[in-house]
Amino acid sequence: MERELLIVLILVVLLVVGINGLLVLALRRGKGSEHIRLWQQAARRAQKPWHNEDEQLEALSKIVKELKDPDEGN
């Protein structure tokens, strides 16, 4: 049990170090800003995965509300 836990821990550490190493290399090659922008977009999407759909549904809801009761919209 301890051996498997140690292997998993080592793999996680290697993964984190590897990702950070790749980010440092990307920054040194001048492509860092592009990669950082992509990571930021991915983080925003992970926080609100249905943001675009929610906005579209809200707009549709307003349109339907105006169609149902046109006097209230004015």
PDB file of N, CA and C in Angstrom:
ATOM      1  N   MET A   1       0.820  -1.194   0.000  1.00  0.00           N
ATOM      2  CA  MET A   1       0.000   0.000   0.000  1.00  0.00           C
ATOM      3  C   MET A   1       0.863   1.257   0.000  1.00  0.00           C
ATOM      4  N   GLU A   2       1.887   1.269   0.841  1.00  0.00           N
ATOM      5  CA  GLU A   2       2.769   2.431   0.917  1.00  0.00           C
ATOM      6  C   GLU A   2       3.535   2.620  -0.394  1.00  0.00           C
ATOM      7  N   ARG A   3       3.894   1.528  -1.015  1.00  0.00           N
ATOM      8  CA  ARG A   3       4.656   1.605  -2.263  1.00  0.00           C
ATOM      9  C   ARG A   3       3.826   2.249  -3.367  1.00  0.00           C
ATOM     10  N   GLU A   4       2.544   1.873  -3.467  1.00  0.00           N
ATOM     11  CA  GLU A   4       1.673   2.442  -4.489  1.00  0.00           C
ATOM     12  C   GLU A   4       1.456   3.934  -4.242  1.00  0.00           C
ATOM     13  N   LEU A   5       1.296   4.288  -2.977  1.00  0.00           N
ATOM     14  CA  LEU A   5       1.111   5.682  -2.613  1.00  0.00           C
ATOM     15  C   LEU A   5       2.350   6.507  -2.981  1.00  0.00           C
ATOM     16  N   LEU A   6       3.509   5.953  -2.738  1.00  0.00           N
ATOM     17  CA  LEU A   6       4.751   6.633  -3.079  1.00  0.00           C
ATOM     18  C   LEU A   6       4.880   6.802  -4.596  1.00  0.00           C
ATOM     19  N   ILE A   7       4.522   5.789  -5.353  1.00  0.00           N
ATOM     20  CA  ILE A   7       4.578   5.866  -6.823  1.00  0.00           C
ATOM     21  C   ILE A   7       3.637   6.943  -7.340  1.00  0.00           C
ATOM     22  N   VAL A   8       2.418   6.980  -6.805  1.00  0.00           N
ATOM     23  CA  VAL A   8       1.449   7.993  -7.226  1.00  0.00           C
ATOM     24  C   VAL A   8       1.952   9.388  -6.877  1.00  0.00           C
ATOM     25  N   LEU A   9       2.502   9.544  -5.695  1.00  0.00           N
ATOM     26  CA  LEU A   9       3.032  10.839  -5.273  1.00  0.00           C
ATOM     27  C   LEU A   9       4.168  11.294  -6.185  1.00  0.00           C
ATOM     28  N   ILE A  10       5.055  10.393  -6.529  1.00  0.00           N
ATOM     29  CA  ILE A  10       6.170  10.725  -7.423  1.00  0.00           C
ATOM     30  C   ILE A  10       5.650  11.112  -8.802  1.00  0.00           C
ATOM     31  N   LEU A  11       4.655  10.397  -9.307  1.00  0.00           N
ATOM     32  CA  LEU A  11       4.083  10.723 -10.615  1.00  0.00           C
ATOM     33  C   LEU A  11       3.419  12.097 -10.612  1.00  0.00           C
ATOM     34  N   VAL A  12       2.732  12.419  -9.543  1.00  0.00           N
ATOM     35  CA  VAL A  12       2.083  13.734  -9.447  1.00  0.00           C
ATOM     36  C   VAL A  12       3.136  14.834  -9.415  1.00  0.00           C
ATOM     37  N   VAL A  13       4.183  14.642  -8.636  1.00  0.00           N
ATOM     38  CA  VAL A  13       5.255  15.635  -8.567  1.00  0.00           C
ATOM     39  C   VAL A  13       5.921  15.796  -9.934  1.00  0.00           C
ATOM     40  N   LEU A  14       6.187  14.708 -10.616  1.00  0.00           N
ATOM     41  CA  LEU A  14       6.785  14.782 -11.955  1.00  0.00           C
ATOM     42  C   LEU A  14       5.868  15.504 -12.930  1.00  0.00           C
ATOM     43  N   LEU A  15       4.585  15.262 -12.835  1.00  0.00           N
ATOM     44  CA  LEU A  15       3.625  15.924 -13.708  1.00  0.00           C
ATOM     45  C   LEU A  15       3.621  17.432 -13.463  1.00  0.00           C
ATOM     46  N   VAL A  16       3.587  17.845 -12.215  1.00  0.00           N
ATOM     47  CA  VAL A  16       3.584  19.272 -11.883  1.00  0.00           C
ATOM     48  C   VAL A  16       4.887  19.927 -12.336  1.00  0.00           C
ATOM     49  N   VAL A  17       6.001  19.295 -12.052  1.00  0.00           N
ATOM     50  CA  VAL A  17       7.299  19.849 -12.461  1.00  0.00           C
ATOM     51  C   VAL A  17       7.394  19.905 -13.983  1.00  0.00           C
ATOM     52  N   GLY A  18       6.897  18.876 -14.661  1.00  0.00           N
ATOM     53  CA  GLY A  18       6.927  18.858 -16.119  1.00  0.00           C
ATOM     54  C   GLY A  18       6.096  19.965 -16.734  1.00  0.00           C
ATOM     55  N   ILE A  19       4.894  20.186 -16.219  1.00  0.00           N
ATOM     56  CA  ILE A  19       4.038  21.261 -16.740  1.00  0.00           C
ATOM     57  C   ILE A  19       4.692  22.615 -16.509  1.00  0.00           C
ATOM     58  N   ASN A  20       5.231  22.818 -15.312  1.00  0.00           N
ATOM     59  CA  ASN A  20       5.907  24.092 -15.040  1.00  0.00           C
ATOM     60  C   ASN A  20       7.131  24.273 -15.930  1.00  0.00           C
ATOM     61  N   GLY A  21       7.857  23.209 -16.177  1.00  0.00           N
ATOM     62  CA  GLY A  21       9.017  23.286 -17.071  1.00  0.00           C
ATOM     63  C   GLY A  21       8.602  23.667 -18.486  1.00  0.00           C
ATOM     64  N   LEU A  22       7.531  23.085 -18.967  1.00  0.00           N
ATOM     65  CA  LEU A  22       7.039  23.432 -20.303  1.00  0.00           C
ATOM     66  C   LEU A  22       6.588  24.891 -20.373  1.00  0.00           C
ATOM     67  N   LEU A  23       5.967  25.387 -19.316  1.00  0.00           N
ATOM     68  CA  LEU A  23       5.559  26.794 -19.289  1.00  0.00           C
ATOM     69  C   LEU A  23       6.768  27.722 -19.305  1.00  0.00           C
ATOM     70  N   VAL A  24       7.807  27.368 -18.565  1.00  0.00           N
ATOM     71  CA  VAL A  24       9.027  28.191 -18.556  1.00  0.00           C
ATOM     72  C   VAL A  24       9.666  28.189 -19.943  1.00  0.00           C
ATOM     73  N   LEU A  25       9.744  27.027 -20.588  1.00  0.00           N
ATOM     74  CA  LEU A  25      10.299  26.967 -21.937  1.00  0.00           C
ATOM     75  C   LEU A  25       9.487  27.799 -22.914  1.00  0.00           C
ATOM     76  N   ALA A  26       8.168  27.750 -22.796  1.00  0.00           N
ATOM     77  CA  ALA A  26       7.314  28.534 -23.687  1.00  0.00           C
ATOM     78  C   ALA A  26       7.550  30.030 -23.473  1.00  0.00           C
ATOM     79  N   LEU A  27       7.721  30.434 -22.231  1.00  0.00           N
ATOM     80  CA  LEU A  27       7.985  31.850 -21.955  1.00  0.00           C
ATOM     81  C   LEU A  27       9.327  32.285 -22.532  1.00  0.00           C
ATOM     82  N   ARG A  28      10.323  31.437 -22.448  1.00  0.00           N
ATOM     83  CA  ARG A  28      11.646  31.782 -22.979  1.00  0.00           C
ATOM     84  C   ARG A  28      11.653  31.851 -24.499  1.00  0.00           C
ATOM     85  N   ARG A  29      10.799  31.091 -25.140  1.00  0.00           N
ATOM     86  CA  ARG A  29      10.746  31.093 -26.608  1.00  0.00           C
ATOM     87  C   ARG A  29       9.899  32.241 -27.142  1.00  0.00           C
ATOM     88  N   GLY A  30       9.265  32.986 -26.274  1.00  0.00           N
ATOM     89  CA  GLY A  30       8.479  34.135 -26.714  1.00  0.00           C
ATOM     90  C   GLY A  30       7.025  33.813 -26.994  1.00  0.00           C
ATOM     91  N   LYS A  31       6.620  32.584 -26.857  1.00  0.00           N
ATOM     92  CA  LYS A  31       5.243  32.213 -27.095  1.00  0.00           C
ATOM     93  C   LYS A  31       4.453  32.161 -25.790  1.00  0.00           C
ATOM     94  N   GLY A  32       5.028  32.669 -24.759  1.00  0.00           N
ATOM     95  CA  GLY A  32       4.425  32.576 -23.432  1.00  0.00           C
ATOM     96  C   GLY A  32       3.100  33.291 -23.314  1.00  0.00           C
ATOM     97  N   SER A  33       3.016  34.484 -23.897  1.00  0.00           N
ATOM     98  CA  SER A  33       1.780  35.243 -23.749  1.00  0.00           C
ATOM     99  C   SER A  33       0.610  34.517 -24.401  1.00  0.00           C
ATOM    100  N   GLU A  34       0.865  33.868 -25.509  1.00  0.00           N
ATOM    101  CA  GLU A  34      -0.193  33.105 -26.186  1.00  0.00           C
ATOM    102  C   GLU A  34      -0.634  31.920 -25.334  1.00  0.00           C
ATOM    103  N   HIS A  35       0.324  31.218 -24.753  1.00  0.00           N
ATOM    104  CA  HIS A  35      -0.004  30.066 -23.910  1.00  0.00           C
ATOM    105  C   HIS A  35      -0.715  30.501 -22.630  1.00  0.00           C
ATOM    106  N   ILE A  36      -0.257  31.605 -22.064  1.00  0.00           N
ATOM    107  CA  ILE A  36      -0.889  32.100 -20.848  1.00  0.00           C
ATOM    108  C   ILE A  36      -2.332  32.486 -21.133  1.00  0.00           C
ATOM    109  N   ARG A  37      -2.567  33.133 -22.283  1.00  0.00           N
ATOM    110  CA  ARG A  37      -3.927  33.518 -22.660  1.00  0.00           C
ATOM    111  C   ARG A  37      -4.809  32.288 -22.801  1.00  0.00           C
ATOM    112  N   LEU A  38      -4.275  31.231 -23.409  1.00  0.00           N
ATOM    113  CA  LEU A  38      -5.045  30.000 -23.566  1.00  0.00           C
ATOM    114  C   LEU A  38      -5.371  29.374 -22.220  1.00  0.00           C
ATOM    115  N   TRP A  39      -4.405  29.381 -21.283  1.00  0.00           N
ATOM    116  CA  TRP A  39      -4.657  28.835 -19.946  1.00  0.00           C
ATOM    117  C   TRP A  39      -5.696  29.663 -19.211  1.00  0.00           C
ATOM    118  N   GLN A  40      -5.661  30.990 -19.385  1.00  0.00           N
ATOM    119  CA  GLN A  40      -6.637  31.852 -18.726  1.00  0.00           C
ATOM    120  C   GLN A  40      -8.041  31.584 -19.268  1.00  0.00           C
ATOM    121  N   GLN A  41      -8.155  31.418 -20.582  1.00  0.00           N
ATOM    122  CA  GLN A  41      -9.459  31.095 -21.170  1.00  0.00           C
ATOM    123  C   GLN A  41      -9.973  29.757 -20.664  1.00  0.00           C
ATOM    124  N   ALA A  42      -9.086  28.790 -20.572  1.00  0.00           N
ATOM    125  CA  ALA A  42      -9.488  27.475 -20.075  1.00  0.00           C
ATOM    126  C   ALA A  42      -9.955  27.559 -18.622  1.00  0.00           C
ATOM    127  N   ALA A  43      -9.270  28.367 -17.820  1.00  0.00           N
ATOM    128  CA  ALA A  43      -9.663  28.525 -16.420  1.00  0.00           C
ATOM    129  C   ALA A  43     -11.029  29.191 -16.308  1.00  0.00           C
ATOM    130  N   ARG A  44     -11.270  30.218 -17.148  1.00  0.00           N
ATOM    131  CA  ARG A  44     -12.578  30.876 -17.124  1.00  0.00           C
ATOM    132  C   ARG A  44     -13.687  29.919 -17.532  1.00  0.00           C
ATOM    133  N   ARG A  45     -13.422  29.118 -18.552  1.00  0.00           N
ATOM    134  CA  ARG A  45     -14.429  28.142 -18.992  1.00  0.00           C
ATOM    135  C   ARG A  45     -14.688  27.095 -17.921  1.00  0.00           C
ATOM    136  N   ALA A  46     -13.658  26.713 -17.212  1.00  0.00           N
ATOM    137  CA  ALA A  46     -13.829  25.716 -16.148  1.00  0.00           C
ATOM    138  C   ALA A  46     -14.666  26.279 -14.999  1.00  0.00           C
ATOM    139  N   GLN A  47     -14.534  27.573 -14.738  1.00  0.00           N
ATOM    140  CA  GLN A  47     -15.311  28.189 -13.668  1.00  0.00           C
ATOM    141  C   GLN A  47     -16.772  28.338 -14.047  1.00  0.00           C
ATOM    142  N   LYS A  48     -17.037  28.707 -15.299  1.00  0.00           N
ATOM    143  CA  LYS A  48     -18.412  28.911 -15.772  1.00  0.00           C
ATOM    144  C   LYS A  48     -18.579  28.205 -17.120  1.00  0.00           C
ATOM    145  N   PRO A  49     -18.730  26.896 -17.109  1.00  0.00           N
ATOM    146  CA  PRO A  49     -18.770  26.159 -18.378  1.00  0.00           C
ATOM    147  C   PRO A  49     -19.973  26.484 -19.252  1.00  0.00           C
ATOM    148  N   TRP A  50     -21.068  26.963 -18.692  1.00  0.00           N
ATOM    149  CA  TRP A  50     -22.276  27.231 -19.480  1.00  0.00           C
ATOM    150  C   TRP A  50     -22.552  28.717 -19.596  1.00  0.00           C
ATOM    151  N   HIS A  51     -21.545  29.554 -19.469  1.00  0.00           N
ATOM    152  CA  HIS A  51     -21.726  31.007 -19.470  1.00  0.00           C
ATOM    153  C   HIS A  51     -22.377  31.494 -20.767  1.00  0.00           C
ATOM    154  N   ASN A  52     -21.865  31.084 -21.906  1.00  0.00           N
ATOM    155  CA  ASN A  52     -22.422  31.540 -23.187  1.00  0.00           C
ATOM    156  C   ASN A  52     -23.869  31.096 -23.353  1.00  0.00           C
ATOM    157  N   GLU A  53     -24.148  29.858 -22.992  1.00  0.00           N
ATOM    158  CA  GLU A  53     -25.505  29.345 -23.109  1.00  0.00           C
ATOM    159  C   GLU A  53     -26.450  30.076 -22.164  1.00  0.00           C
ATOM    160  N   ASP A  54     -25.961  30.396 -20.965  1.00  0.00           N
ATOM    161  CA  ASP A  54     -26.780  31.143 -20.008  1.00  0.00           C
ATOM    162  C   ASP A  54     -27.143  32.522 -20.546  1.00  0.00           C
ATOM    163  N   GLU A  55     -26.177  33.200 -21.164  1.00  0.00           N
ATOM    164  CA  GLU A  55     -26.452  34.516 -21.743  1.00  0.00           C
ATOM    165  C   GLU A  55     -27.483  34.417 -22.863  1.00  0.00           C
ATOM    166  N   GLN A  56     -27.349  33.402 -23.710  1.00  0.00           N
ATOM    167  CA  GLN A  56     -28.300  33.227 -24.806  1.00  0.00           C
ATOM    168  C   GLN A  56     -29.700  32.915 -24.281  1.00  0.00           C
ATOM    169  N   LEU A  57     -29.781  32.074 -23.266  1.00  0.00           N
ATOM    170  CA  LEU A  57     -31.084  31.752 -22.684  1.00  0.00           C
ATOM    171  C   LEU A  57     -31.708  32.971 -22.011  1.00  0.00           C
ATOM    172  N   GLU A  58     -30.898  33.811 -21.392  1.00  0.00           N
ATOM    173  CA  GLU A  58     -31.411  35.028 -20.772  1.00  0.00           C
ATOM    174  C   GLU A  58     -31.976  35.976 -21.826  1.00  0.00           C
ATOM    175  N   ALA A  59     -31.258  36.119 -22.947  1.00  0.00           N
ATOM    176  CA  ALA A  59     -31.752  36.972 -24.038  1.00  0.00           C
ATOM    177  C   ALA A  59     -33.056  36.414 -24.602  1.00  0.00           C
ATOM    178  N   LEU A  60     -33.118  35.114 -24.786  1.00  0.00           N
ATOM    179  CA  LEU A  60     -34.338  34.480 -25.286  1.00  0.00           C
ATOM    180  C   LEU A  60     -35.489  34.690 -24.306  1.00  0.00           C
ATOM    181  N   SER A  61     -35.204  34.579 -23.032  1.00  0.00           N
ATOM    182  CA  SER A  61     -36.230  34.782 -22.008  1.00  0.00           C
ATOM    183  C   SER A  61     -36.798  36.200 -22.075  1.00  0.00           C
ATOM    184  N   LYS A  62     -35.932  37.201 -22.279  1.00  0.00           N
ATOM    185  CA  LYS A  62     -36.397  38.583 -22.394  1.00  0.00           C
ATOM    186  C   LYS A  62     -37.283  38.762 -23.615  1.00  0.00           C
ATOM    187  N   ILE A  63     -36.895  38.157 -24.725  1.00  0.00           N
ATOM    188  CA  ILE A  63     -37.689  38.263 -25.953  1.00  0.00           C
ATOM    189  C   ILE A  63     -39.058  37.627 -25.760  1.00  0.00           C
ATOM    190  N   VAL A  64     -39.087  36.455 -25.151  1.00  0.00           N
ATOM    191  CA  VAL A  64     -40.360  35.766 -24.920  1.00  0.00           C
ATOM    192  C   VAL A  64     -41.235  36.584 -23.975  1.00  0.00           C
ATOM    193  N   LYS A  65     -40.629  37.180 -22.955  1.00  0.00           N
ATOM    194  CA  LYS A  65     -41.386  37.994 -22.012  1.00  0.00           C
ATOM    195  C   LYS A  65     -42.003  39.194 -22.722  1.00  0.00           C
ATOM    196  N   GLU A  66     -41.246  39.827 -23.622  1.00  0.00           N
ATOM    197  CA  GLU A  66     -41.766  40.961 -24.383  1.00  0.00           C
ATOM    198  C   GLU A  66     -42.886  40.533 -25.322  1.00  0.00           C
ATOM    199  N   LEU A  67     -42.771  39.343 -25.910  1.00  0.00           N
ATOM    200  CA  LEU A  67     -43.819  38.861 -26.804  1.00  0.00           C
ATOM    201  C   LEU A  67     -45.102  38.529 -26.038  1.00  0.00           C
ATOM    202  N   LYS A  68     -44.962  37.999 -24.848  1.00  0.00           N
ATOM    203  CA  LYS A  68     -46.133  37.637 -24.044  1.00  0.00           C
ATOM    204  C   LYS A  68     -46.862  38.878 -23.534  1.00  0.00           C
ATOM    205  N   ASP A  69     -46.130  39.873 -23.130  1.00  0.00           N
ATOM    206  CA  ASP A  69     -46.731  41.075 -22.566  1.00  0.00           C
ATOM    207  C   ASP A  69     -46.038  42.307 -23.151  1.00  0.00           C
ATOM    208  N   PRO A  70     -46.418  42.745 -24.352  1.00  0.00           N
ATOM    209  CA  PRO A  70     -45.719  43.855 -25.004  1.00  0.00           C
ATOM    210  C   PRO A  70     -45.911  45.188 -24.276  1.00  0.00           C
ATOM    211  N   ASP A  71     -47.002  45.366 -23.516  1.00  0.00           N
ATOM    212  CA  ASP A  71     -47.237  46.629 -22.800  1.00  0.00           C
ATOM    213  C   ASP A  71     -46.221  46.829 -21.682  1.00  0.00           C
ATOM    214  N   GLU A  72     -45.780  45.736 -21.071  1.00  0.00           N
ATOM    215  CA  GLU A  72     -44.840  45.831 -19.955  1.00  0.00           C
ATOM    216  C   GLU A  72     -43.453  46.260 -20.402  1.00  0.00           C
ATOM    217  N   GLY A  73     -43.074  45.947 -21.638  1.00  0.00           N
ATOM    218  CA  GLY A  73     -41.740  46.277 -22.143  1.00  0.00           C
ATOM    219  C   GLY A  73     -41.574  47.746 -22.413  1.00  0.00           C
ATOM    220  N   ASN A  74     -42.652  48.514 -22.608  1.00  0.00           N
ATOM    221  CA  ASN A  74     -42.562  49.953 -22.941  1.00  0.00           C
ATOM    222  C   ASN A  74     -42.722  50.823 -21.760  1.00  0.00           C
TER     223      ASN A  74
END
